[in-house]
Amino acid sequence: MRRYAAEAHSTGVIGRLDLAARQHHLTVDGPPWNGFPGEEVMPGELFLGGIATCAVELLQMFARDDALPLGEVSVCIWAEVDPEHQPHAGRIVFNRMEMRFLVNGLPQATAEELVERFKGR
């Protein structure tokens, strides 16, 4: 069993939140297009950051388990939301998302295989 937990709490500033995960604390702002501060990391960025960090961590794990000489790994992720063109009424989802991987220390085919393993998870 693997368990993860986080807690978010409102603050005295509307749209500004405190996020806690274990002993770590972070201030999070709602986005300016919702009328919130948008100065700190925003929830959508945290969501994308979770995906990117998971990708890097899993590539490292796969390489370690396969005894591959993996070098630096970078993952850039971006997404777009078009509120006017949503596939489901009443729900806002990302319309487009893209990830770019930079994997050093491995042949191209091996790096691509690691990325495909991540995508299959």
PDB file of N, CA and C in Angstrom:
ATOM      1  N   MET A   1       0.840  -1.168   0.000  1.00  0.00           N
ATOM      2  CA  MET A   1       0.000   0.000   0.000  1.00  0.00           C
ATOM      3  C   MET A   1       0.889   1.235   0.000  1.00  0.00           C
ATOM      4  N   ARG A   2       0.642   2.152  -0.913  1.00  0.00           N
ATOM      5  CA  ARG A   2       1.362   3.429  -0.968  1.00  0.00           C
ATOM      6  C   ARG A   2       0.351   4.535  -0.747  1.00  0.00           C
ATOM      7  N   ARG A   3       0.605   5.376   0.207  1.00  0.00           N
ATOM      8  CA  ARG A   3      -0.343   6.438   0.531  1.00  0.00           C
ATOM      9  C   ARG A   3       0.321   7.796   0.402  1.00  0.00           C
ATOM     10  N   TYR A   4      -0.429   8.721  -0.122  1.00  0.00           N
ATOM     11  CA  TYR A   4       0.007  10.097  -0.250  1.00  0.00           C
ATOM     12  C   TYR A   4      -1.077  10.983   0.344  1.00  0.00           C
ATOM     13  N   ALA A   5      -0.682  12.106   0.911  1.00  0.00           N
ATOM     14  CA  ALA A   5      -1.668  13.017   1.478  1.00  0.00           C
ATOM     15  C   ALA A   5      -1.157  14.444   1.375  1.00  0.00           C
ATOM     16  N   ALA A   6      -2.084  15.355   1.221  1.00  0.00           N
ATOM     17  CA  ALA A   6      -1.793  16.784   1.239  1.00  0.00           C
ATOM     18  C   ALA A   6      -3.014  17.492   1.792  1.00  0.00           C
ATOM     19  N   GLU A   7      -2.790  18.653   2.376  1.00  0.00           N
ATOM     20  CA  GLU A   7      -3.892  19.451   2.912  1.00  0.00           C
ATOM     21  C   GLU A   7      -3.761  20.873   2.413  1.00  0.00           C
ATOM     22  N   ALA A   8      -4.878  21.461   2.024  1.00  0.00           N
ATOM     23  CA  ALA A   8      -4.912  22.872   1.631  1.00  0.00           C
ATOM     24  C   ALA A   8      -5.868  23.605   2.560  1.00  0.00           C
ATOM     25  N   HIS A   9      -5.468  24.817   2.931  1.00  0.00           N
ATOM     26  CA  HIS A   9      -6.280  25.631   3.828  1.00  0.00           C
ATOM     27  C   HIS A   9      -6.376  27.040   3.269  1.00  0.00           C
ATOM     28  N   SER A  10      -7.515  27.654   3.438  1.00  0.00           N
ATOM     29  CA  SER A  10      -7.661  29.052   3.052  1.00  0.00           C
ATOM     30  C   SER A  10      -6.840  29.925   4.003  1.00  0.00           C
ATOM     31  N   THR A  11      -6.526  31.111   3.516  1.00  0.00           N
ATOM     32  CA  THR A  11      -5.810  32.095   4.333  1.00  0.00           C
ATOM     33  C   THR A  11      -6.705  33.325   4.452  1.00  0.00           C
ATOM     34  N   GLY A  12      -6.179  34.394   4.967  1.00  0.00           N
ATOM     35  CA  GLY A  12      -6.938  35.632   5.067  1.00  0.00           C
ATOM     36  C   GLY A  12      -7.073  36.372   3.749  1.00  0.00           C
ATOM     37  N   VAL A  13      -6.405  35.885   2.700  1.00  0.00           N
ATOM     38  CA  VAL A  13      -6.469  36.509   1.370  1.00  0.00           C
ATOM     39  C   VAL A  13      -7.264  35.583   0.458  1.00  0.00           C
ATOM     40  N   ILE A  14      -8.359  36.097  -0.098  1.00  0.00           N
ATOM     41  CA  ILE A  14      -9.165  35.246  -0.978  1.00  0.00           C
ATOM     42  C   ILE A  14      -8.334  34.808  -2.182  1.00  0.00           C
ATOM     43  N   GLY A  15      -8.374  33.517  -2.467  1.00  0.00           N
ATOM     44  CA  GLY A  15      -7.603  32.969  -3.576  1.00  0.00           C
ATOM     45  C   GLY A  15      -6.177  32.606  -3.226  1.00  0.00           C
ATOM     46  N   ARG A  16      -5.749  32.826  -1.989  1.00  0.00           N
ATOM     47  CA  ARG A  16      -4.413  32.420  -1.542  1.00  0.00           C
ATOM     48  C   ARG A  16      -4.589  31.288  -0.544  1.00  0.00           C
ATOM     49  N   LEU A  17      -3.842  30.205  -0.750  1.00  0.00           N
ATOM     50  CA  LEU A  17      -4.002  28.990   0.039  1.00  0.00           C
ATOM     51  C   LEU A  17      -2.677  28.553   0.637  1.00  0.00           C
ATOM     52  N   ASP A  18      -2.757  27.836   1.717  1.00  0.00           N
ATOM     53  CA  ASP A  18      -1.588  27.163   2.276  1.00  0.00           C
ATOM     54  C   ASP A  18      -1.714  25.683   1.947  1.00  0.00           C
ATOM     55  N   LEU A  19      -0.647  25.115   1.423  1.00  0.00           N
ATOM     56  CA  LEU A  19      -0.612  23.697   1.080  1.00  0.00           C
ATOM     57  C   LEU A  19       0.421  23.020   1.969  1.00  0.00           C
ATOM     58  N   ALA A  20       0.066  21.900   2.545  1.00  0.00           N
ATOM     59  CA  ALA A  20       0.990  21.132   3.379  1.00  0.00           C
ATOM     60  C   ALA A  20       1.018  19.689   2.900  1.00  0.00           C
ATOM     61  N   ALA A  21       2.224  19.157   2.813  1.00  0.00           N
ATOM     62  CA  ALA A  21       2.437  17.740   2.519  1.00  0.00           C
ATOM     63  C   ALA A  21       3.589  17.296   3.412  1.00  0.00           C
ATOM     64  N   ARG A  22       3.281  16.412   4.336  1.00  0.00           N
ATOM     65  CA  ARG A  22       4.226  16.012   5.377  1.00  0.00           C
ATOM     66  C   ARG A  22       4.726  17.263   6.092  1.00  0.00           C
ATOM     67  N   GLN A  23       6.046  17.504   6.150  1.00  0.00           N
ATOM     68  CA  GLN A  23       6.564  18.674   6.850  1.00  0.00           C
ATOM     69  C   GLN A  23       6.798  19.865   5.915  1.00  0.00           C
ATOM     70  N   HIS A  24       6.357  19.756   4.669  1.00  0.00           N
ATOM     71  CA  HIS A  24       6.576  20.803   3.673  1.00  0.00           C
ATOM     72  C   HIS A  24       5.351  21.701   3.551  1.00  0.00           C
ATOM     73  N   HIS A  25       5.602  22.994   3.410  1.00  0.00           N
ATOM     74  CA  HIS A  25       4.517  23.972   3.311  1.00  0.00           C
ATOM     75  C   HIS A  25       4.778  24.889   2.123  1.00  0.00           C
ATOM     76  N   LEU A  26       3.719  25.242   1.437  1.00  0.00           N
ATOM     77  CA  LEU A  26       3.816  26.038   0.220  1.00  0.00           C
ATOM     78  C   LEU A  26       2.615  26.959   0.142  1.00  0.00           C
ATOM     79  N   THR A  27       2.843  28.174  -0.327  1.00  0.00           N
ATOM     80  CA  THR A  27       1.743  29.094  -0.578  1.00  0.00           C
ATOM     81  C   THR A  27       1.332  28.956  -2.036  1.00  0.00           C
ATOM     82  N   VAL A  28       0.044  28.856  -2.270  1.00  0.00           N
ATOM     83  CA  VAL A  28      -0.513  28.658  -3.611  1.00  0.00           C
ATOM     84  C   VAL A  28      -1.545  29.747  -3.862  1.00  0.00           C
ATOM     85  N   ASP A  29      -1.518  30.313  -5.062  1.00  0.00           N
ATOM     86  CA  ASP A  29      -2.492  31.337  -5.440  1.00  0.00           C
ATOM     87  C   ASP A  29      -3.387  30.841  -6.547  1.00  0.00           C
ATOM     88  N   GLY A  30      -4.655  31.193  -6.456  1.00  0.00           N
ATOM     89  CA  GLY A  30      -5.548  30.993  -7.585  1.00  0.00           C
ATOM     90  C   GLY A  30      -5.123  31.925  -8.715  1.00  0.00           C
ATOM     91  N   PRO A  31      -5.501  31.623  -9.958  1.00  0.00           N
ATOM     92  CA  PRO A  31      -5.046  32.396 -11.109  1.00  0.00           C
ATOM     93  C   PRO A  31      -5.741  33.754 -11.234  1.00  0.00           C
ATOM     94  N   PRO A  32      -5.043  34.717 -11.840  1.00  0.00           N
ATOM     95  CA  PRO A  32      -5.620  36.055 -11.988  1.00  0.00           C
ATOM     96  C   PRO A  32      -6.890  36.077 -12.838  1.00  0.00           C
ATOM     97  N   TRP A  33      -7.032  35.147 -13.791  1.00  0.00           N
ATOM     98  CA  TRP A  33      -8.247  35.145 -14.616  1.00  0.00           C
ATOM     99  C   TRP A  33      -9.479  34.732 -13.819  1.00  0.00           C
ATOM    100  N   ASN A  34      -9.271  34.217 -12.604  1.00  0.00           N
ATOM    101  CA  ASN A  34     -10.388  33.947 -11.689  1.00  0.00           C
ATOM    102  C   ASN A  34     -10.530  35.050 -10.640  1.00  0.00           C
ATOM    103  N   GLY A  35      -9.751  36.127 -10.807  1.00  0.00           N
ATOM    104  CA  GLY A  35      -9.813  37.231  -9.870  1.00  0.00           C
ATOM    105  C   GLY A  35      -8.984  37.018  -8.616  1.00  0.00           C
ATOM    106  N   PHE A  36      -8.008  36.112  -8.660  1.00  0.00           N
ATOM    107  CA  PHE A  36      -7.174  35.806  -7.512  1.00  0.00           C
ATOM    108  C   PHE A  36      -5.766  36.364  -7.731  1.00  0.00           C
ATOM    109  N   PRO A  37      -4.889  36.313  -6.707  1.00  0.00           N
ATOM    110  CA  PRO A  37      -3.596  36.981  -6.798  1.00  0.00           C
ATOM    111  C   PRO A  37      -2.693  36.501  -7.945  1.00  0.00           C
ATOM    112  N   GLY A  38      -2.538  35.186  -8.139  1.00  0.00           N
ATOM    113  CA  GLY A  38      -1.691  34.669  -9.217  1.00  0.00           C
ATOM    114  C   GLY A  38      -0.210  34.966  -9.053  1.00  0.00           C
ATOM    115  N   GLU A  39       0.215  35.362  -7.855  1.00  0.00           N
ATOM    116  CA  GLU A  39       1.628  35.688  -7.626  1.00  0.00           C
ATOM    117  C   GLU A  39       2.455  34.454  -7.269  1.00  0.00           C
ATOM    118  N   GLU A  40       1.864  33.539  -6.552  1.00  0.00           N
ATOM    119  CA  GLU A  40       2.557  32.312  -6.146  1.00  0.00           C
ATOM    120  C   GLU A  40       2.260  31.219  -7.178  1.00  0.00           C
ATOM    121  N   VAL A  41       2.826  30.044  -6.975  1.00  0.00           N
ATOM    122  CA  VAL A  41       2.528  28.906  -7.841  1.00  0.00           C
ATOM    123  C   VAL A  41       1.021  28.670  -7.831  1.00  0.00           C
ATOM    124  N   MET A  42       0.468  28.384  -9.012  1.00  0.00           N
ATOM    125  CA  MET A  42      -0.978  28.193  -9.131  1.00  0.00           C
ATOM    126  C   MET A  42      -1.317  26.698  -9.194  1.00  0.00           C
ATOM    127  N   PRO A  43      -2.556  26.308  -8.861  1.00  0.00           N
ATOM    128  CA  PRO A  43      -2.923  24.893  -8.838  1.00  0.00           C
ATOM    129  C   PRO A  43      -2.638  24.152 -10.147  1.00  0.00           C
ATOM    130  N   GLY A  44      -2.917  24.755 -11.279  1.00  0.00           N
ATOM    131  CA  GLY A  44      -2.637  24.089 -12.544  1.00  0.00           C
ATOM    132  C   GLY A  44      -1.157  23.809 -12.733  1.00  0.00           C
ATOM    133  N   GLU A  45      -0.317  24.727 -12.270  1.00  0.00           N
ATOM    134  CA  GLU A  45       1.128  24.525 -12.350  1.00  0.00           C
ATOM    135  C   GLU A  45       1.572  23.398 -11.424  1.00  0.00           C
ATOM    136  N   LEU A  46       0.953  23.317 -10.253  1.00  0.00           N
ATOM    137  CA  LEU A  46       1.266  22.207  -9.349  1.00  0.00           C
ATOM    138  C   LEU A  46       0.881  20.871  -9.967  1.00  0.00           C
ATOM    139  N   PHE A  47      -0.272  20.830 -10.620  1.00  0.00           N
ATOM    140  CA  PHE A  47      -0.725  19.607 -11.291  1.00  0.00           C
ATOM    141  C   PHE A  47       0.281  19.192 -12.356  1.00  0.00           C
ATOM    142  N   LEU A  48       0.666  20.134 -13.219  1.00  0.00           N
ATOM    143  CA  LEU A  48       1.636  19.821 -14.274  1.00  0.00           C
ATOM    144  C   LEU A  48       2.992  19.464 -13.681  1.00  0.00           C
ATOM    145  N   GLY A  49       3.379  20.171 -12.612  1.00  0.00           N
ATOM    146  CA  GLY A  49       4.648  19.861 -11.945  1.00  0.00           C
ATOM    147  C   GLY A  49       4.667  18.457 -11.375  1.00  0.00           C
ATOM    148  N   GLY A  50       3.518  17.999 -10.866  1.00  0.00           N
ATOM    149  CA  GLY A  50       3.432  16.630 -10.368  1.00  0.00           C
ATOM    150  C   GLY A  50       3.671  15.612 -11.472  1.00  0.00           C
ATOM    151  N   ILE A  51       3.126  15.884 -12.644  1.00  0.00           N
ATOM    152  CA  ILE A  51       3.327  14.977 -13.776  1.00  0.00           C
ATOM    153  C   ILE A  51       4.795  14.986 -14.201  1.00  0.00           C
ATOM    154  N   ALA A  52       5.385  16.176 -14.307  1.00  0.00           N
ATOM    155  CA  ALA A  52       6.784  16.280 -14.742  1.00  0.00           C
ATOM    156  C   ALA A  52       7.727  15.613 -13.747  1.00  0.00           C
ATOM    157  N   THR A  53       7.520  15.844 -12.449  1.00  0.00           N
ATOM    158  CA  THR A  53       8.408  15.229 -11.469  1.00  0.00           C
ATOM    159  C   THR A  53       8.232  13.722 -11.424  1.00  0.00           C
ATOM    160  N   CYS A  54       7.008  13.259 -11.628  1.00  0.00           N
ATOM    161  CA  CYS A  54       6.763  11.815 -11.696  1.00  0.00           C
ATOM    162  C   CYS A  54       7.514  11.219 -12.888  1.00  0.00           C
ATOM    163  N   ALA A  55       7.507  11.908 -14.012  1.00  0.00           N
ATOM    164  CA  ALA A  55       8.199  11.412 -15.201  1.00  0.00           C
ATOM    165  C   ALA A  55       9.696  11.283 -14.956  1.00  0.00           C
ATOM    166  N   VAL A  56      10.307  12.324 -14.396  1.00  0.00           N
ATOM    167  CA  VAL A  56      11.751  12.273 -14.130  1.00  0.00           C
ATOM    168  C   VAL A  56      12.065  11.151 -13.147  1.00  0.00           C
ATOM    169  N   GLU A  57      11.290  11.066 -12.078  1.00  0.00           N
ATOM    170  CA  GLU A  57      11.527  10.041 -11.052  1.00  0.00           C
ATOM    171  C   GLU A  57      11.392   8.635 -11.628  1.00  0.00           C
ATOM    172  N   LEU A  58      10.369   8.404 -12.461  1.00  0.00           N
ATOM    173  CA  LEU A  58      10.183   7.067 -13.023  1.00  0.00           C
ATOM    174  C   LEU A  58      11.286   6.714 -14.015  1.00  0.00           C
ATOM    175  N   LEU A  59      11.736   7.670 -14.838  1.00  0.00           N
ATOM    176  CA  LEU A  59      12.842   7.373 -15.740  1.00  0.00           C
ATOM    177  C   LEU A  59      14.089   7.010 -14.948  1.00  0.00           C
ATOM    178  N   GLN A  60      14.333   7.721 -13.840  1.00  0.00           N
ATOM    179  CA  GLN A  60      15.471   7.381 -12.983  1.00  0.00           C
ATOM    180  C   GLN A  60      15.313   5.978 -12.395  1.00  0.00           C
ATOM    181  N   MET A  61      14.114   5.639 -11.961  1.00  0.00           N
ATOM    182  CA  MET A  61      13.869   4.318 -11.382  1.00  0.00           C
ATOM    183  C   MET A  61      14.067   3.220 -12.430  1.00  0.00           C
ATOM    184  N   PHE A  62      13.510   3.423 -13.631  1.00  0.00           N
ATOM    185  CA  PHE A  62      13.664   2.422 -14.690  1.00  0.00           C
ATOM    186  C   PHE A  62      15.143   2.219 -15.013  1.00  0.00           C
ATOM    187  N   ALA A  63      15.884   3.325 -15.154  1.00  0.00           N
ATOM    188  CA  ALA A  63      17.305   3.228 -15.495  1.00  0.00           C
ATOM    189  C   ALA A  63      18.083   2.529 -14.378  1.00  0.00           C
ATOM    190  N   ARG A  64      17.779   2.873 -13.142  1.00  0.00           N
ATOM    191  CA  ARG A  64      18.446   2.221 -12.008  1.00  0.00           C
ATOM    192  C   ARG A  64      18.173   0.716 -12.018  1.00  0.00           C
ATOM    193  N   ASP A  65      16.892   0.358 -12.187  1.00  0.00           N
ATOM    194  CA  ASP A  65      16.521  -1.056 -12.160  1.00  0.00           C
ATOM    195  C   ASP A  65      17.126  -1.841 -13.312  1.00  0.00           C
ATOM    196  N   ASP A  66      17.362  -1.171 -14.439  1.00  0.00           N
ATOM    197  CA  ASP A  66      17.948  -1.820 -15.616  1.00  0.00           C
ATOM    198  C   ASP A  66      19.454  -1.605 -15.709  1.00  0.00           C
ATOM    199  N   ALA A  67      20.053  -0.993 -14.679  1.00  0.00           N
ATOM    200  CA  ALA A  67      21.504  -0.714 -14.628  1.00  0.00           C
ATOM    201  C   ALA A  67      21.962   0.073 -15.854  1.00  0.00           C
ATOM    202  N   LEU A  68      21.181   1.095 -16.217  1.00  0.00           N
ATOM    203  CA  LEU A  68      21.520   1.957 -17.355  1.00  0.00           C
ATOM    204  C   LEU A  68      22.236   3.206 -16.861  1.00  0.00           C
ATOM    205  N   PRO A  69      23.229   3.696 -17.618  1.00  0.00           N
ATOM    206  CA  PRO A  69      24.009   4.867 -17.194  1.00  0.00           C
ATOM    207  C   PRO A  69      23.282   6.184 -17.508  1.00  0.00           C
ATOM    208  N   LEU A  70      22.162   6.403 -16.874  1.00  0.00           N
ATOM    209  CA  LEU A  70      21.359   7.592 -17.131  1.00  0.00           C
ATOM    210  C   LEU A  70      22.059   8.836 -16.615  1.00  0.00           C
ATOM    211  N   GLY A  71      22.070   9.862 -17.444  1.00  0.00           N
ATOM    212  CA  GLY A  71      22.598  11.164 -17.031  1.00  0.00           C
ATOM    213  C   GLY A  71      21.448  12.050 -16.589  1.00  0.00           C
ATOM    214  N   GLU A  72      21.571  13.340 -16.854  1.00  0.00           N
ATOM    215  CA  GLU A  72      20.539  14.304 -16.473  1.00  0.00           C
ATOM    216  C   GLU A  72      19.257  14.053 -17.254  1.00  0.00           C
ATOM    217  N   VAL A  73      18.132  14.209 -16.576  1.00  0.00           N
ATOM    218  CA  VAL A  73      16.813  14.093 -17.196  1.00  0.00           C
ATOM    219  C   VAL A  73      16.051  15.388 -16.919  1.00  0.00           C
ATOM    220  N   SER A  74      15.473  15.959 -17.956  1.00  0.00           N
ATOM    221  CA  SER A  74      14.620  17.137 -17.805  1.00  0.00           C
ATOM    222  C   SER A  74      13.308  16.871 -18.515  1.00  0.00           C
ATOM    223  N   VAL A  75      12.222  17.311 -17.904  1.00  0.00           N
ATOM    224  CA  VAL A  75      10.909  17.199 -18.526  1.00  0.00           C
ATOM    225  C   VAL A  75      10.247  18.565 -18.467  1.00  0.00           C
ATOM    226  N   CYS A  76       9.843  19.052 -19.616  1.00  0.00           N
ATOM    227  CA  CYS A  76       9.095  20.301 -19.713  1.00  0.00           C
ATOM    228  C   CYS A  76       7.668  19.928 -20.105  1.00  0.00           C
ATOM    229  N   ILE A  77       6.703  20.459 -19.391  1.00  0.00           N
ATOM    230  CA  ILE A  77       5.309  20.160 -19.679  1.00  0.00           C
ATOM    231  C   ILE A  77       4.544  21.473 -19.744  1.00  0.00           C
ATOM    232  N   TRP A  78       3.673  21.571 -20.707  1.00  0.00           N
ATOM    233  CA  TRP A  78       2.802  22.741 -20.782  1.00  0.00           C
ATOM    234  C   TRP A  78       1.432  22.308 -21.246  1.00  0.00           C
ATOM    235  N   ALA A  79       0.461  23.126 -20.913  1.00  0.00           N
ATOM    236  CA  ALA A  79      -0.923  22.793 -21.262  1.00  0.00           C
ATOM    237  C   ALA A  79      -1.701  24.075 -21.526  1.00  0.00           C
ATOM    238  N   GLU A  80      -2.779  23.923 -22.272  1.00  0.00           N
ATOM    239  CA  GLU A  80      -3.668  25.039 -22.580  1.00  0.00           C
ATOM    240  C   GLU A  80      -5.093  24.672 -22.219  1.00  0.00           C
ATOM    241  N   VAL A  81      -5.810  25.660 -21.716  1.00  0.00           N
ATOM    242  CA  VAL A  81      -7.237  25.524 -21.454  1.00  0.00           C
ATOM    243  C   VAL A  81      -7.943  26.582 -22.280  1.00  0.00           C
ATOM    244  N   ASP A  82      -8.881  26.163 -23.097  1.00  0.00           N
ATOM    245  CA  ASP A  82      -9.731  27.086 -23.849  1.00  0.00           C
ATOM    246  C   ASP A  82     -11.136  26.961 -23.275  1.00  0.00           C
ATOM    247  N   PRO A  83     -11.510  27.879 -22.372  1.00  0.00           N
ATOM    248  CA  PRO A  83     -12.823  27.767 -21.730  1.00  0.00           C
ATOM    249  C   PRO A  83     -13.995  27.792 -22.706  1.00  0.00           C
ATOM    250  N   GLU A  84     -13.788  28.379 -23.866  1.00  0.00           N
ATOM    251  CA  GLU A  84     -14.869  28.478 -24.855  1.00  0.00           C
ATOM    252  C   GLU A  84     -15.045  27.206 -25.673  1.00  0.00           C
ATOM    253  N   HIS A  85     -14.074  26.324 -25.638  1.00  0.00           N
ATOM    254  CA  HIS A  85     -14.133  25.085 -26.432  1.00  0.00           C
ATOM    255  C   HIS A  85     -13.818  23.892 -25.539  1.00  0.00           C
ATOM    256  N   GLN A  86     -14.781  23.511 -24.741  1.00  0.00           N
ATOM    257  CA  GLN A  86     -14.616  22.405 -23.812  1.00  0.00           C
ATOM    258  C   GLN A  86     -15.427  21.191 -24.292  1.00  0.00           C
ATOM    259  N   PRO A  87     -14.862  19.998 -24.181  1.00  0.00           N
ATOM    260  CA  PRO A  87     -15.557  18.797 -24.667  1.00  0.00           C
ATOM    261  C   PRO A  87     -16.716  18.348 -23.784  1.00  0.00           C
ATOM    262  N   HIS A  88     -16.760  18.795 -22.542  1.00  0.00           N
ATOM    263  CA  HIS A  88     -17.806  18.369 -21.608  1.00  0.00           C
ATOM    264  C   HIS A  88     -18.449  19.595 -20.975  1.00  0.00           C
ATOM    265  N   ALA A  89     -19.749  19.731 -21.125  1.00  0.00           N
ATOM    266  CA  ALA A  89     -20.456  20.879 -20.550  1.00  0.00           C
ATOM    267  C   ALA A  89     -20.301  20.905 -19.037  1.00  0.00           C
ATOM    268  N   GLY A  90     -20.009  22.078 -18.501  1.00  0.00           N
ATOM    269  CA  GLY A  90     -19.926  22.236 -17.066  1.00  0.00           C
ATOM    270  C   GLY A  90     -18.604  21.840 -16.449  1.00  0.00           C
ATOM    271  N   ARG A  91     -17.640  21.387 -17.258  1.00  0.00           N
ATOM    272  CA  ARG A  91     -16.325  21.007 -16.738  1.00  0.00           C
ATOM    273  C   ARG A  91     -15.239  21.684 -17.563  1.00  0.00           C
ATOM    274  N   ILE A  92     -14.223  22.145 -16.894  1.00  0.00           N
ATOM    275  CA  ILE A  92     -13.079  22.747 -17.574  1.00  0.00           C
ATOM    276  C   ILE A  92     -11.924  21.749 -17.513  1.00  0.00           C
ATOM    277  N   VAL A  93     -11.401  21.389 -18.677  1.00  0.00           N
ATOM    278  CA  VAL A  93     -10.266  20.469 -18.764  1.00  0.00           C
ATOM    279  C   VAL A  93      -9.211  21.068 -19.686  1.00  0.00           C
ATOM    280  N   PHE A  94      -8.004  20.539 -19.617  1.00  0.00           N
ATOM    281  CA  PHE A  94      -6.964  20.955 -20.549  1.00  0.00           C
ATOM    282  C   PHE A  94      -7.365  20.520 -21.952  1.00  0.00           C
ATOM    283  N   ASN A  95      -7.289  21.444 -22.895  1.00  0.00           N
ATOM    284  CA  ASN A  95      -7.569  21.118 -24.291  1.00  0.00           C
ATOM    285  C   ASN A  95      -6.348  20.523 -24.979  1.00  0.00           C
ATOM    286  N   ARG A  96      -5.186  20.917 -24.506  1.00  0.00           N
ATOM    287  CA  ARG A  96      -3.952  20.444 -25.131  1.00  0.00           C
ATOM    288  C   ARG A  96      -2.867  20.371 -24.062  1.00  0.00           C
ATOM    289  N   MET A  97      -2.055  19.335 -24.154  1.00  0.00           N
ATOM    290  CA  MET A  97      -0.941  19.173 -23.230  1.00  0.00           C
ATOM    291  C   MET A  97       0.224  18.581 -24.020  1.00  0.00           C
ATOM    292  N   GLU A  98       1.416  19.038 -23.710  1.00  0.00           N
ATOM    293  CA  GLU A  98       2.607  18.520 -24.388  1.00  0.00           C
ATOM    294  C   GLU A  98       3.725  18.351 -23.375  1.00  0.00           C
ATOM    295  N   MET A  99       4.480  17.269 -23.549  1.00  0.00           N
ATOM    296  CA  MET A  99       5.649  17.016 -22.702  1.00  0.00           C
ATOM    297  C   MET A  99       6.862  16.858 -23.612  1.00  0.00           C
ATOM    298  N   ARG A 100       7.966  17.421 -23.154  1.00  0.00           N
ATOM    299  CA  ARG A 100       9.231  17.246 -23.869  1.00  0.00           C
ATOM    300  C   ARG A 100      10.252  16.699 -22.890  1.00  0.00           C
ATOM    301  N   PHE A 101      10.932  15.650 -23.313  1.00  0.00           N
ATOM    302  CA  PHE A 101      11.908  14.960 -22.477  1.00  0.00           C
ATOM    303  C   PHE A 101      13.308  15.223 -23.016  1.00  0.00           C
ATOM    304  N   LEU A 102      14.241  15.497 -22.122  1.00  0.00           N
ATOM    305  CA  LEU A 102      15.656  15.563 -22.446  1.00  0.00           C
ATOM    306  C   LEU A 102      16.328  14.517 -21.572  1.00  0.00           C
ATOM    307  N   VAL A 103      16.880  13.494 -22.204  1.00  0.00           N
ATOM    308  CA  VAL A 103      17.488  12.371 -21.488  1.00  0.00           C
ATOM    309  C   VAL A 103      18.928  12.252 -21.957  1.00  0.00           C
ATOM    310  N   ASN A 104      19.857  12.455 -21.048  1.00  0.00           N
ATOM    311  CA  ASN A 104      21.276  12.371 -21.364  1.00  0.00           C
ATOM    312  C   ASN A 104      21.864  11.055 -20.876  1.00  0.00           C
ATOM    313  N   GLY A 105      22.914  10.610 -21.568  1.00  0.00           N
ATOM    314  CA  GLY A 105      23.664   9.441 -21.123  1.00  0.00           C
ATOM    315  C   GLY A 105      23.236   8.131 -21.745  1.00  0.00           C
ATOM    316  N   LEU A 106      22.161   8.152 -22.547  1.00  0.00           N
ATOM    317  CA  LEU A 106      21.655   6.918 -23.147  1.00  0.00           C
ATOM    318  C   LEU A 106      21.502   7.084 -24.653  1.00  0.00           C
ATOM    319  N   PRO A 107      21.587   5.978 -25.401  1.00  0.00           N
ATOM    320  CA  PRO A 107      21.265   6.051 -26.818  1.00  0.00           C
ATOM    321  C   PRO A 107      19.796   6.485 -27.015  1.00  0.00           C
ATOM    322  N   GLN A 108      19.523   7.119 -28.123  1.00  0.00           N
ATOM    323  CA  GLN A 108      18.179   7.631 -28.407  1.00  0.00           C
ATOM    324  C   GLN A 108      17.108   6.550 -28.248  1.00  0.00           C
ATOM    325  N   ALA A 109      17.337   5.374 -28.793  1.00  0.00           N
ATOM    326  CA  ALA A 109      16.330   4.305 -28.737  1.00  0.00           C
ATOM    327  C   ALA A 109      16.059   3.874 -27.294  1.00  0.00           C
ATOM    328  N   THR A 110      17.086   3.825 -26.478  1.00  0.00           N
ATOM    329  CA  THR A 110      16.913   3.437 -25.073  1.00  0.00           C
ATOM    330  C   THR A 110      16.145   4.515 -24.315  1.00  0.00           C
ATOM    331  N   ALA A 111      16.489   5.779 -24.573  1.00  0.00           N
ATOM    332  CA  ALA A 111      15.777   6.885 -23.931  1.00  0.00           C
ATOM    333  C   ALA A 111      14.302   6.865 -24.320  1.00  0.00           C
ATOM    334  N   GLU A 112      14.037   6.620 -25.600  1.00  0.00           N
ATOM    335  CA  GLU A 112      12.646   6.561 -26.069  1.00  0.00           C
ATOM    336  C   GLU A 112      11.895   5.404 -25.412  1.00  0.00           C
ATOM    337  N   GLU A 113      12.572   4.292 -25.185  1.00  0.00           N
ATOM    338  CA  GLU A 113      11.926   3.151 -24.529  1.00  0.00           C
ATOM    339  C   GLU A 113      11.559   3.491 -23.084  1.00  0.00           C
ATOM    340  N   LEU A 114      12.432   4.209 -22.392  1.00  0.00           N
ATOM    341  CA  LEU A 114      12.132   4.648 -21.029  1.00  0.00           C
ATOM    342  C   LEU A 114      10.922   5.581 -21.000  1.00  0.00           C
ATOM    343  N   VAL A 115      10.860   6.488 -21.961  1.00  0.00           N
ATOM    344  CA  VAL A 115       9.725   7.420 -22.041  1.00  0.00           C
ATOM    345  C   VAL A 115       8.438   6.655 -22.327  1.00  0.00           C
ATOM    346  N   GLU A 116       8.493   5.668 -23.198  1.00  0.00           N
ATOM    347  CA  GLU A 116       7.294   4.865 -23.488  1.00  0.00           C
ATOM    348  C   GLU A 116       6.855   4.087 -22.252  1.00  0.00           C
ATOM    349  N   ARG A 117       7.808   3.609 -21.465  1.00  0.00           N
ATOM    350  CA  ARG A 117       7.435   2.923 -20.216  1.00  0.00           C
ATOM    351  C   ARG A 117       6.729   3.885 -19.270  1.00  0.00           C
ATOM    352  N   PHE A 118       7.222   5.114 -19.189  1.00  0.00           N
ATOM    353  CA  PHE A 118       6.546   6.118 -18.364  1.00  0.00           C
ATOM    354  C   PHE A 118       5.117   6.345 -18.881  1.00  0.00           C
ATOM    355  N   LYS A 119       4.966   6.495 -20.164  1.00  0.00           N
ATOM    356  CA  LYS A 119       3.643   6.767 -20.740  1.00  0.00           C
ATOM    357  C   LYS A 119       2.684   5.615 -20.523  1.00  0.00           C
ATOM    358  N   GLY A 120       3.211   4.410 -20.345  1.00  0.00           N
ATOM    359  CA  GLY A 120       2.371   3.245 -20.114  1.00  0.00           C
ATOM    360  C   GLY A 120       1.944   3.075 -18.663  1.00  0.00           C
ATOM    361  N   ARG A 121       2.455   3.916 -17.781  1.00  0.00           N
ATOM    362  CA  ARG A 121       2.127   3.801 -16.348  1.00  0.00           C
ATOM    363  C   ARG A 121       0.825   4.471 -16.025  1.00  0.00           C
TER     364      ARG A 121
END
